Amino acid sequence: MATNEDFIHYVCEQISGVGAVRFKKMFGEYLIYIDELPIIVVCDSTVYVKKLECIDELMQDASVGFPYKGAKEHYILDIENSDFSKKIISILKKNTPLPKKKIR
């Protein structure tokens, strides 16, 4: 079941204050950028973050899953826990490079 935009607005509210938040609809689902960094993938109303070593210890009890077919395994972020989500995002921001610009 595809994610609806109301849920995306809820996710953005839960993480407000971590930086400039924007979202982009991609392939019927969403990618959330924080300070222009692609940090969160939302598919089927589930919030995913990449499995990176910098958050492994904090996310050791988190569920994992695949946001879409062909994706690598991601952590599922408990977006209900706003403070924890913001902590994870703050760490990911420091460890996520800016996407490369496409040359057209």
PDB file of N, CA and C in Angstrom:
ATOM      1  N   MET A   1       0.848  -1.179   0.000  1.00  0.00           N
ATOM      2  CA  MET A   1       0.000   0.000   0.000  1.00  0.00           C
ATOM      3  C   MET A   1       0.888   1.235   0.000  1.00  0.00           C
ATOM      4  N   ALA A   2       0.677   2.110  -0.921  1.00  0.00           N
ATOM      5  CA  ALA A   2       1.507   3.306  -1.060  1.00  0.00           C
ATOM      6  C   ALA A   2       1.291   4.258   0.118  1.00  0.00           C
ATOM      7  N   THR A   3       2.323   4.996   0.401  1.00  0.00           N
ATOM      8  CA  THR A   3       2.293   5.985   1.480  1.00  0.00           C
ATOM      9  C   THR A   3       1.478   7.191   1.031  1.00  0.00           C
ATOM     10  N   ASN A   4       0.651   7.726   1.931  1.00  0.00           N
ATOM     11  CA  ASN A   4      -0.083   8.941   1.565  1.00  0.00           C
ATOM     12  C   ASN A   4       0.655  10.171   2.091  1.00  0.00           C
ATOM     13  N   GLU A   5       0.348  11.300   1.501  1.00  0.00           N
ATOM     14  CA  GLU A   5       1.062  12.529   1.823  1.00  0.00           C
ATOM     15  C   GLU A   5       0.816  12.982   3.267  1.00  0.00           C
ATOM     16  N   ASP A   6      -0.315  12.648   3.849  1.00  0.00           N
ATOM     17  CA  ASP A   6      -0.574  12.999   5.252  1.00  0.00           C
ATOM     18  C   ASP A   6       0.473  12.349   6.157  1.00  0.00           C
ATOM     19  N   PHE A   7       0.829  11.098   5.869  1.00  0.00           N
ATOM     20  CA  PHE A   7       1.841  10.417   6.672  1.00  0.00           C
ATOM     21  C   PHE A   7       3.196  11.093   6.512  1.00  0.00           C
ATOM     22  N   ILE A   8       3.524  11.523   5.301  1.00  0.00           N
ATOM     23  CA  ILE A   8       4.793  12.217   5.065  1.00  0.00           C
ATOM     24  C   ILE A   8       4.840  13.508   5.875  1.00  0.00           C
ATOM     25  N   HIS A   9       3.749  14.244   5.908  1.00  0.00           N
ATOM     26  CA  HIS A   9       3.709  15.474   6.710  1.00  0.00           C
ATOM     27  C   HIS A   9       3.897  15.157   8.195  1.00  0.00           C
ATOM     28  N   TYR A  10       3.310  14.057   8.650  1.00  0.00           N
ATOM     29  CA  TYR A  10       3.484  13.630  10.036  1.00  0.00           C
ATOM     30  C   TYR A  10       4.959  13.330  10.325  1.00  0.00           C
ATOM     31  N   VAL A  11       5.615  12.585   9.431  1.00  0.00           N
ATOM     32  CA  VAL A  11       7.037  12.268   9.605  1.00  0.00           C
ATOM     33  C   VAL A  11       7.846  13.551   9.675  1.00  0.00           C
ATOM     34  N   CYS A  12       7.568  14.472   8.774  1.00  0.00           N
ATOM     35  CA  CYS A  12       8.296  15.749   8.763  1.00  0.00           C
ATOM     36  C   CYS A  12       8.079  16.539  10.059  1.00  0.00           C
ATOM     37  N   GLU A  13       6.874  16.498  10.605  1.00  0.00           N
ATOM     38  CA  GLU A  13       6.596  17.157  11.884  1.00  0.00           C
ATOM     39  C   GLU A  13       7.396  16.511  13.013  1.00  0.00           C
ATOM     40  N   GLN A  14       7.469  15.186  12.999  1.00  0.00           N
ATOM     41  CA  GLN A  14       8.181  14.459  14.055  1.00  0.00           C
ATOM     42  C   GLN A  14       9.671  14.798  14.082  1.00  0.00           C
ATOM     43  N   ILE A  15      10.240  15.162  12.937  1.00  0.00           N
ATOM     44  CA  ILE A  15      11.677  15.424  12.877  1.00  0.00           C
ATOM     45  C   ILE A  15      11.982  16.912  12.723  1.00  0.00           C
ATOM     46  N   SER A  16      10.976  17.752  12.886  1.00  0.00           N
ATOM     47  CA  SER A  16      11.218  19.191  12.730  1.00  0.00           C
ATOM     48  C   SER A  16      12.258  19.646  13.744  1.00  0.00           C
ATOM     49  N   GLY A  17      13.107  20.556  13.295  1.00  0.00           N
ATOM     50  CA  GLY A  17      14.163  21.067  14.155  1.00  0.00           C
ATOM     51  C   GLY A  17      15.527  20.447  13.876  1.00  0.00           C
ATOM     52  N   VAL A  18      15.594  19.435  13.005  1.00  0.00           N
ATOM     53  CA  VAL A  18      16.878  18.796  12.702  1.00  0.00           C
ATOM     54  C   VAL A  18      17.575  19.444  11.516  1.00  0.00           C
ATOM     55  N   GLY A  19      16.911  20.373  10.881  1.00  0.00           N
ATOM     56  CA  GLY A  19      17.456  21.040   9.704  1.00  0.00           C
ATOM     57  C   GLY A  19      16.329  21.325   8.734  1.00  0.00           C
ATOM     58  N   ALA A  20      16.696  21.765   7.541  1.00  0.00           N
ATOM     59  CA  ALA A  20      15.707  22.043   6.504  1.00  0.00           C
ATOM     60  C   ALA A  20      15.184  20.711   5.955  1.00  0.00           C
ATOM     61  N   VAL A  21      13.899  20.477   6.134  1.00  0.00           N
ATOM     62  CA  VAL A  21      13.287  19.206   5.744  1.00  0.00           C
ATOM     63  C   VAL A  21      12.429  19.422   4.498  1.00  0.00           C
ATOM     64  N   ARG A  22      12.639  18.567   3.517  1.00  0.00           N
ATOM     65  CA  ARG A  22      11.776  18.556   2.334  1.00  0.00           C
ATOM     66  C   ARG A  22      11.618  17.113   1.880  1.00  0.00           C
ATOM     67  N   PHE A  23      10.563  16.863   1.125  1.00  0.00           N
ATOM     68  CA  PHE A  23      10.355  15.511   0.618  1.00  0.00           C
ATOM     69  C   PHE A  23      10.107  15.548  -0.874  1.00  0.00           C
ATOM     70  N   LYS A  24      10.359  14.407  -1.493  1.00  0.00           N
ATOM     71  CA  LYS A  24      10.179  14.266  -2.931  1.00  0.00           C
ATOM     72  C   LYS A  24       9.519  12.923  -3.196  1.00  0.00           C
ATOM     73  N   LYS A  25       8.482  12.954  -4.000  1.00  0.00           N
ATOM     74  CA  LYS A  25       7.810  11.719  -4.365  1.00  0.00           C
ATOM     75  C   LYS A  25       8.622  11.032  -5.449  1.00  0.00           C
ATOM     76  N   MET A  26       8.912   9.755  -5.228  1.00  0.00           N
ATOM     77  CA  MET A  26       9.712   8.989  -6.175  1.00  0.00           C
ATOM     78  C   MET A  26       9.107   7.599  -6.316  1.00  0.00           C
ATOM     79  N   PHE A  27       8.748   7.247  -7.513  1.00  0.00           N
ATOM     80  CA  PHE A  27       8.219   5.915  -7.808  1.00  0.00           C
ATOM     81  C   PHE A  27       7.018   5.566  -6.929  1.00  0.00           C
ATOM     82  N   GLY A  28       6.198   6.547  -6.621  1.00  0.00           N
ATOM     83  CA  GLY A  28       5.010   6.320  -5.814  1.00  0.00           C
ATOM     84  C   GLY A  28       5.252   6.339  -4.322  1.00  0.00           C
ATOM     85  N   GLU A  29       6.496   6.452  -3.915  1.00  0.00           N
ATOM     86  CA  GLU A  29       6.848   6.534  -2.501  1.00  0.00           C
ATOM     87  C   GLU A  29       7.639   7.827  -2.281  1.00  0.00           C
ATOM     88  N   TYR A  30       8.338   7.960  -1.147  1.00  0.00           N
ATOM     89  CA  TYR A  30       8.941   9.243  -0.816  1.00  0.00           C
ATOM     90  C   TYR A  30      10.379   9.120  -0.319  1.00  0.00           C
ATOM     91  N   LEU A  31      11.146  10.159  -0.621  1.00  0.00           N
ATOM     92  CA  LEU A  31      12.487  10.340  -0.083  1.00  0.00           C
ATOM     93  C   LEU A  31      12.461  11.663   0.669  1.00  0.00           C
ATOM     94  N   ILE A  32      12.928  11.645   1.915  1.00  0.00           N
ATOM     95  CA  ILE A  32      12.963  12.859   2.729  1.00  0.00           C
ATOM     96  C   ILE A  32      14.406  13.320   2.834  1.00  0.00           C
ATOM     97  N   TYR A  33      14.607  14.583   2.500  1.00  0.00           N
ATOM     98  CA  TYR A  33      15.919  15.220   2.571  1.00  0.00           C
ATOM     99  C   TYR A  33      15.977  16.100   3.804  1.00  0.00           C
ATOM    100  N   ILE A  34      17.116  16.076   4.475  1.00  0.00           N
ATOM    101  CA  ILE A  34      17.377  16.986   5.580  1.00  0.00           C
ATOM    102  C   ILE A  34      18.640  17.743   5.214  1.00  0.00           C
ATOM    103  N   ASP A  35      18.534  19.066   5.131  1.00  0.00           N
ATOM    104  CA  ASP A  35      19.643  19.902   4.676  1.00  0.00           C
ATOM    105  C   ASP A  35      20.208  19.394   3.350  1.00  0.00           C
ATOM    106  N   GLU A  36      19.290  19.029   2.450  1.00  0.00           N
ATOM    107  CA  GLU A  36      19.595  18.547   1.094  1.00  0.00           C
ATOM    108  C   GLU A  36      20.287  17.183   1.067  1.00  0.00           C
ATOM    109  N   LEU A  37      20.341  16.484   2.185  1.00  0.00           N
ATOM    110  CA  LEU A  37      20.913  15.141   2.252  1.00  0.00           C
ATOM    111  C   LEU A  37      19.785  14.110   2.241  1.00  0.00           C
ATOM    112  N   PRO A  38      19.866  13.100   1.388  1.00  0.00           N
ATOM    113  CA  PRO A  38      18.818  12.069   1.356  1.00  0.00           C
ATOM    114  C   PRO A  38      18.965  11.137   2.562  1.00  0.00           C
ATOM    115  N   ILE A  39      18.149  11.331   3.575  1.00  0.00           N
ATOM    116  CA  ILE A  39      18.314  10.624   4.852  1.00  0.00           C
ATOM    117  C   ILE A  39      17.262   9.535   5.055  1.00  0.00           C
ATOM    118  N   ILE A  40      16.023   9.795   4.686  1.00  0.00           N
ATOM    119  CA  ILE A  40      14.914   8.889   5.016  1.00  0.00           C
ATOM    120  C   ILE A  40      14.196   8.435   3.751  1.00  0.00           C
ATOM    121  N   VAL A  41      13.898   7.146   3.693  1.00  0.00           N
ATOM    122  CA  VAL A  41      13.055   6.584   2.643  1.00  0.00           C
ATOM    123  C   VAL A  41      11.759   6.140   3.325  1.00  0.00           C
ATOM    124  N   VAL A  42      10.630   6.526   2.751  1.00  0.00           N
ATOM    125  CA  VAL A  42       9.341   6.108   3.298  1.00  0.00           C
ATOM    126  C   VAL A  42       8.614   5.315   2.222  1.00  0.00           C
ATOM    127  N   CYS A  43       8.357   4.054   2.526  1.00  0.00           N
ATOM    128  CA  CYS A  43       7.644   3.158   1.614  1.00  0.00           C
ATOM    129  C   CYS A  43       6.584   2.410   2.411  1.00  0.00           C
ATOM    130  N   ASP A  44       5.393   2.329   1.857  1.00  0.00           N
ATOM    131  CA  ASP A  44       4.288   1.637   2.522  1.00  0.00           C
ATOM    132  C   ASP A  44       4.104   2.121   3.953  1.00  0.00           C
ATOM    133  N   SER A  45       4.232   3.431   4.158  1.00  0.00           N
ATOM    134  CA  SER A  45       4.071   4.075   5.469  1.00  0.00           C
ATOM    135  C   SER A  45       5.030   3.518   6.522  1.00  0.00           C
ATOM    136  N   THR A  46       6.188   3.092   6.076  1.00  0.00           N
ATOM    137  CA  THR A  46       7.258   2.634   6.957  1.00  0.00           C
ATOM    138  C   THR A  46       8.464   3.527   6.708  1.00  0.00           C
ATOM    139  N   VAL A  47       9.122   3.959   7.793  1.00  0.00           N
ATOM    140  CA  VAL A  47      10.235   4.901   7.708  1.00  0.00           C
ATOM    141  C   VAL A  47      11.550   4.128   7.812  1.00  0.00           C
ATOM    142  N   TYR A  48      12.378   4.261   6.789  1.00  0.00           N
ATOM    143  CA  TYR A  48      13.645   3.532   6.701  1.00  0.00           C
ATOM    144  C   TYR A  48      14.831   4.492   6.696  1.00  0.00           C
ATOM    145  N   VAL A  49      15.924   4.045   7.316  1.00  0.00           N
ATOM    146  CA  VAL A  49      17.213   4.732   7.207  1.00  0.00           C
ATOM    147  C   VAL A  49      18.267   3.686   6.860  1.00  0.00           C
ATOM    148  N   LYS A  50      19.307   4.147   6.160  1.00  0.00           N
ATOM    149  CA  LYS A  50      20.367   3.232   5.750  1.00  0.00           C
ATOM    150  C   LYS A  50      21.045   2.612   6.960  1.00  0.00           C
ATOM    151  N   LYS A  51      21.486   1.379   6.782  1.00  0.00           N
ATOM    152  CA  LYS A  51      22.262   0.708   7.825  1.00  0.00           C
ATOM    153  C   LYS A  51      23.713   1.176   7.686  1.00  0.00           C
ATOM    154  N   LEU A  52      24.086   2.092   8.536  1.00  0.00           N
ATOM    155  CA  LEU A  52      25.447   2.601   8.557  1.00  0.00           C
ATOM    156  C   LEU A  52      26.068   2.302   9.915  1.00  0.00           C
ATOM    157  N   GLU A  53      27.369   2.075   9.914  1.00  0.00           N
ATOM    158  CA  GLU A  53      28.083   1.724  11.138  1.00  0.00           C
ATOM    159  C   GLU A  53      27.905   2.770  12.239  1.00  0.00           C
ATOM    160  N   CYS A  54      27.782   4.022  11.863  1.00  0.00           N
ATOM    161  CA  CYS A  54      27.680   5.113  12.839  1.00  0.00           C
ATOM    162  C   CYS A  54      26.418   5.031  13.704  1.00  0.00           C
ATOM    163  N   ILE A  55      25.400   4.292  13.260  1.00  0.00           N
ATOM    164  CA  ILE A  55      24.167   4.167  14.056  1.00  0.00           C
ATOM    165  C   ILE A  55      23.887   2.729  14.481  1.00  0.00           C
ATOM    166  N   ASP A  56      24.770   1.810  14.135  1.00  0.00           N
ATOM    167  CA  ASP A  56      24.544   0.390  14.447  1.00  0.00           C
ATOM    168  C   ASP A  56      24.231   0.151  15.919  1.00  0.00           C
ATOM    169  N   GLU A  57      25.005   0.744  16.806  1.00  0.00           N
ATOM    170  CA  GLU A  57      24.808   0.500  18.231  1.00  0.00           C
ATOM    171  C   GLU A  57      23.452   1.026  18.701  1.00  0.00           C
ATOM    172  N   LEU A  58      23.086   2.227  18.264  1.00  0.00           N
ATOM    173  CA  LEU A  58      21.809   2.805  18.683  1.00  0.00           C
ATOM    174  C   LEU A  58      20.613   2.059  18.088  1.00  0.00           C
ATOM    175  N   MET A  59      20.794   1.476  16.923  1.00  0.00           N
ATOM    176  CA  MET A  59      19.696   0.811  16.226  1.00  0.00           C
ATOM    177  C   MET A  59      19.725  -0.709  16.388  1.00  0.00           C
ATOM    178  N   GLN A  60      20.531  -1.214  17.305  1.00  0.00           N
ATOM    179  CA  GLN A  60      20.697  -2.665  17.437  1.00  0.00           C
ATOM    180  C   GLN A  60      19.392  -3.400  17.720  1.00  0.00           C
ATOM    181  N   ASP A  61      18.428  -2.755  18.345  1.00  0.00           N
ATOM    182  CA  ASP A  61      17.153  -3.406  18.643  1.00  0.00           C
ATOM    183  C   ASP A  61      16.068  -3.084  17.624  1.00  0.00           C
ATOM    184  N   ALA A  62      16.414  -2.309  16.608  1.00  0.00           N
ATOM    185  CA  ALA A  62      15.430  -1.890  15.605  1.00  0.00           C
ATOM    186  C   ALA A  62      15.112  -3.029  14.644  1.00  0.00           C
ATOM    187  N   SER A  63      13.924  -2.979  14.113  1.00  0.00           N
ATOM    188  CA  SER A  63      13.556  -3.904  13.042  1.00  0.00           C
ATOM    189  C   SER A  63      14.293  -3.487  11.777  1.00  0.00           C
ATOM    190  N   VAL A  64      14.399  -4.406  10.857  1.00  0.00           N
ATOM    191  CA  VAL A  64      15.026  -4.112   9.570  1.00  0.00           C
ATOM    192  C   VAL A  64      14.086  -4.555   8.456  1.00  0.00           C
ATOM    193  N   GLY A  65      14.326  -4.018   7.277  1.00  0.00           N
ATOM    194  CA  GLY A  65      13.508  -4.398   6.140  1.00  0.00           C
ATOM    195  C   GLY A  65      14.063  -3.810   4.866  1.00  0.00           C
ATOM    196  N   PHE A  66      13.390  -4.112   3.780  1.00  0.00           N
ATOM    197  CA  PHE A  66      13.787  -3.642   2.465  1.00  0.00           C
ATOM    198  C   PHE A  66      12.713  -2.677   1.973  1.00  0.00           C
ATOM    199  N   PRO A  67      13.068  -1.411   1.772  1.00  0.00           N
ATOM    200  CA  PRO A  67      12.046  -0.435   1.383  1.00  0.00           C
ATOM    201  C   PRO A  67      11.420  -0.700   0.013  1.00  0.00           C
ATOM    202  N   TYR A  68      12.161  -1.307  -0.884  1.00  0.00           N
ATOM    203  CA  TYR A  68      11.650  -1.602  -2.213  1.00  0.00           C
ATOM    204  C   TYR A  68      12.469  -2.747  -2.802  1.00  0.00           C
ATOM    205  N   LYS A  69      11.944  -3.362  -3.816  1.00  0.00           N
ATOM    206  CA  LYS A  69      12.613  -4.501  -4.450  1.00  0.00           C
ATOM    207  C   LYS A  69      13.980  -4.068  -4.978  1.00  0.00           C
ATOM    208  N   GLY A  70      14.990  -4.828  -4.627  1.00  0.00           N
ATOM    209  CA  GLY A  70      16.341  -4.539  -5.076  1.00  0.00           C
ATOM    210  C   GLY A  70      17.139  -3.643  -4.139  1.00  0.00           C
ATOM    211  N   ALA A  71      16.498  -3.135  -3.092  1.00  0.00           N
ATOM    212  CA  ALA A  71      17.191  -2.266  -2.129  1.00  0.00           C
ATOM    213  C   ALA A  71      18.003  -3.107  -1.156  1.00  0.00           C
ATOM    214  N   LYS A  72      19.014  -2.478  -0.578  1.00  0.00           N
ATOM    215  CA  LYS A  72      19.754  -3.108   0.505  1.00  0.00           C
ATOM    216  C   LYS A  72      18.890  -3.039   1.761  1.00  0.00           C
ATOM    217  N   GLU A  73      19.221  -3.881   2.719  1.00  0.00           N
ATOM    218  CA  GLU A  73      18.488  -3.887   3.980  1.00  0.00           C
ATOM    219  C   GLU A  73      18.699  -2.554   4.699  1.00  0.00           C
ATOM    220  N   HIS A  74      17.624  -2.008   5.253  1.00  0.00           N
ATOM    221  CA  HIS A  74      17.635  -0.744   5.992  1.00  0.00           C
ATOM    222  C   HIS A  74      17.101  -0.980   7.397  1.00  0.00           C
ATOM    223  N   TYR A  75      17.436  -0.049   8.286  1.00  0.00           N
ATOM    224  CA  TYR A  75      16.792  -0.034   9.597  1.00  0.00           C
ATOM    225  C   TYR A  75      15.420   0.609   9.446  1.00  0.00           C
ATOM    226  N   ILE A  76      14.473   0.147  10.255  1.00  0.00           N
ATOM    227  CA  ILE A  76      13.164   0.788  10.331  1.00  0.00           C
ATOM    228  C   ILE A  76      13.197   1.720  11.535  1.00  0.00           C
ATOM    229  N   LEU A  77      12.974   2.993  11.263  1.00  0.00           N
ATOM    230  CA  LEU A  77      13.055   4.028  12.294  1.00  0.00           C
ATOM    231  C   LEU A  77      11.708   4.179  12.980  1.00  0.00           C
ATOM    232  N   ASP A  78      11.712   4.159  14.308  1.00  0.00           N
ATOM    233  CA  ASP A  78      10.493   4.356  15.091  1.00  0.00           C
ATOM    234  C   ASP A  78      10.184   5.850  15.115  1.00  0.00           C
ATOM    235  N   ILE A  79       9.460   6.314  14.115  1.00  0.00           N
ATOM    236  CA  ILE A  79       9.191   7.747  13.961  1.00  0.00           C
ATOM    237  C   ILE A  79       8.283   8.272  15.065  1.00  0.00           C
ATOM    238  N   GLU A  80       7.597   7.384  15.771  1.00  0.00           N
ATOM    239  CA  GLU A  80       6.776   7.804  16.916  1.00  0.00           C
ATOM    240  C   GLU A  80       7.652   8.393  18.024  1.00  0.00           C
ATOM    241  N   ASN A  81       8.883   7.924  18.116  1.00  0.00           N
ATOM    242  CA  ASN A  81       9.831   8.413  19.120  1.00  0.00           C
ATOM    243  C   ASN A  81      10.621   9.569  18.486  1.00  0.00           C
ATOM    244  N   SER A  82      10.062  10.748  18.583  1.00  0.00           N
ATOM    245  CA  SER A  82      10.616  11.925  17.915  1.00  0.00           C
ATOM    246  C   SER A  82      12.044  12.237  18.359  1.00  0.00           C
ATOM    247  N   ASP A  83      12.304  12.210  19.656  1.00  0.00           N
ATOM    248  CA  ASP A  83      13.643  12.543  20.156  1.00  0.00           C
ATOM    249  C   ASP A  83      14.691  11.554  19.645  1.00  0.00           C
ATOM    250  N   PHE A  84      14.371  10.268  19.670  1.00  0.00           N
ATOM    251  CA  PHE A  84      15.305   9.256  19.174  1.00  0.00           C
ATOM    252  C   PHE A  84      15.519   9.417  17.667  1.00  0.00           C
ATOM    253  N   SER A  85      14.430   9.656  16.935  1.00  0.00           N
ATOM    254  CA  SER A  85      14.532   9.847  15.485  1.00  0.00           C
ATOM    255  C   SER A  85      15.440  11.023  15.155  1.00  0.00           C
ATOM    256  N   LYS A  86      15.287  12.100  15.896  1.00  0.00           N
ATOM    257  CA  LYS A  86      16.131  13.285  15.677  1.00  0.00           C
ATOM    258  C   LYS A  86      17.596  12.981  15.978  1.00  0.00           C
ATOM    259  N   LYS A  87      17.842  12.185  17.004  1.00  0.00           N
ATOM    260  CA  LYS A  87      19.217  11.802  17.345  1.00  0.00           C
ATOM    261  C   LYS A  87      19.844  10.999  16.203  1.00  0.00           C
ATOM    262  N   ILE A  88      19.103  10.027  15.680  1.00  0.00           N
ATOM    263  CA  ILE A  88      19.599   9.209  14.574  1.00  0.00           C
ATOM    264  C   ILE A  88      19.859  10.086  13.347  1.00  0.00           C
ATOM    265  N   ILE A  89      18.935  10.973  13.034  1.00  0.00           N
ATOM    266  CA  ILE A  89      19.086  11.851  11.873  1.00  0.00           C
ATOM    267  C   ILE A  89      20.302  12.753  12.028  1.00  0.00           C
ATOM    268  N   SER A  90      20.523  13.274  13.214  1.00  0.00           N
ATOM    269  CA  SER A  90      21.693  14.130  13.451  1.00  0.00           C
ATOM    270  C   SER A  90      22.992  13.382  13.169  1.00  0.00           C
ATOM    271  N   ILE A  91      23.052  12.139  13.563  1.00  0.00           N
ATOM    272  CA  ILE A  91      24.245  11.316  13.303  1.00  0.00           C
ATOM    273  C   ILE A  91      24.368  11.034  11.801  1.00  0.00           C
ATOM    274  N   LEU A  92      23.255  10.682  11.163  1.00  0.00           N
ATOM    275  CA  LEU A  92      23.286  10.380   9.739  1.00  0.00           C
ATOM    276  C   LEU A  92      23.687  11.606   8.911  1.00  0.00           C
ATOM    277  N   LYS A  93      23.253  12.776   9.324  1.00  0.00           N
ATOM    278  CA  LYS A  93      23.615  14.002   8.598  1.00  0.00           C
ATOM    279  C   LYS A  93      25.131  14.169   8.523  1.00  0.00           C
ATOM    280  N   LYS A  94      25.819  13.800   9.581  1.00  0.00           N
ATOM    281  CA  LYS A  94      27.284  13.944   9.623  1.00  0.00           C
ATOM    282  C   LYS A  94      27.983  12.887   8.777  1.00  0.00           C
ATOM    283  N   ASN A  95      27.268  11.832   8.417  1.00  0.00           N
ATOM    284  CA  ASN A  95      27.882  10.691   7.730  1.00  0.00           C
ATOM    285  C   ASN A  95      27.277  10.394   6.361  1.00  0.00           C
ATOM    286  N   THR A  96      26.508  11.327   5.832  1.00  0.00           N
ATOM    287  CA  THR A  96      25.877  11.152   4.525  1.00  0.00           C
ATOM    288  C   THR A  96      26.403  12.228   3.580  1.00  0.00           C
ATOM    289  N   PRO A  97      27.009  11.826   2.472  1.00  0.00           N
ATOM    290  CA  PRO A  97      27.517  12.835   1.523  1.00  0.00           C
ATOM    291  C   PRO A  97      26.377  13.448   0.716  1.00  0.00           C
ATOM    292  N   LEU A  98      26.601  14.657   0.229  1.00  0.00           N
ATOM    293  CA  LEU A  98      25.645  15.293  -0.671  1.00  0.00           C
ATOM    294  C   LEU A  98      25.550  14.460  -1.943  1.00  0.00           C
ATOM    295  N   PRO A  99      24.360  14.330  -2.497  1.00  0.00           N
ATOM    296  CA  PRO A  99      24.236  13.571  -3.751  1.00  0.00           C
ATOM    297  C   PRO A  99      25.003  14.282  -4.875  1.00  0.00           C
ATOM    298  N   LYS A 100      25.532  13.489  -5.786  1.00  0.00           N
ATOM    299  CA  LYS A 100      26.256  14.055  -6.924  1.00  0.00           C
ATOM    300  C   LYS A 100      25.269  14.716  -7.873  1.00  0.00           C
ATOM    301  N   LYS A 101      25.667  15.850  -8.413  1.00  0.00           N
ATOM    302  CA  LYS A 101      24.837  16.567  -9.383  1.00  0.00           C
ATOM    303  C   LYS A 101      24.872  15.818 -10.711  1.00  0.00           C
ATOM    304  N   LYS A 102      23.693  15.699 -11.325  1.00  0.00           N
ATOM    305  CA  LYS A 102      23.612  15.047 -12.623  1.00  0.00           C
ATOM    306  C   LYS A 102      24.001  16.054 -13.708  1.00  0.00           C
ATOM    307  N   ILE A 103      24.834  15.618 -14.624  1.00  0.00           N
ATOM    308  CA  ILE A 103      25.238  16.464 -15.740  1.00  0.00           C
ATOM    309  C   ILE A 103      24.291  16.194 -16.893  1.00  0.00           C
ATOM    310  N   ARG A 104      23.699  17.250 -17.424  1.00  0.00           N
ATOM    311  CA  ARG A 104      22.716  17.095 -18.510  1.00  0.00           C
ATOM    312  C   ARG A 104      23.230  17.729 -19.769  1.00  0.00           C
TER     313      ARG A 104
END
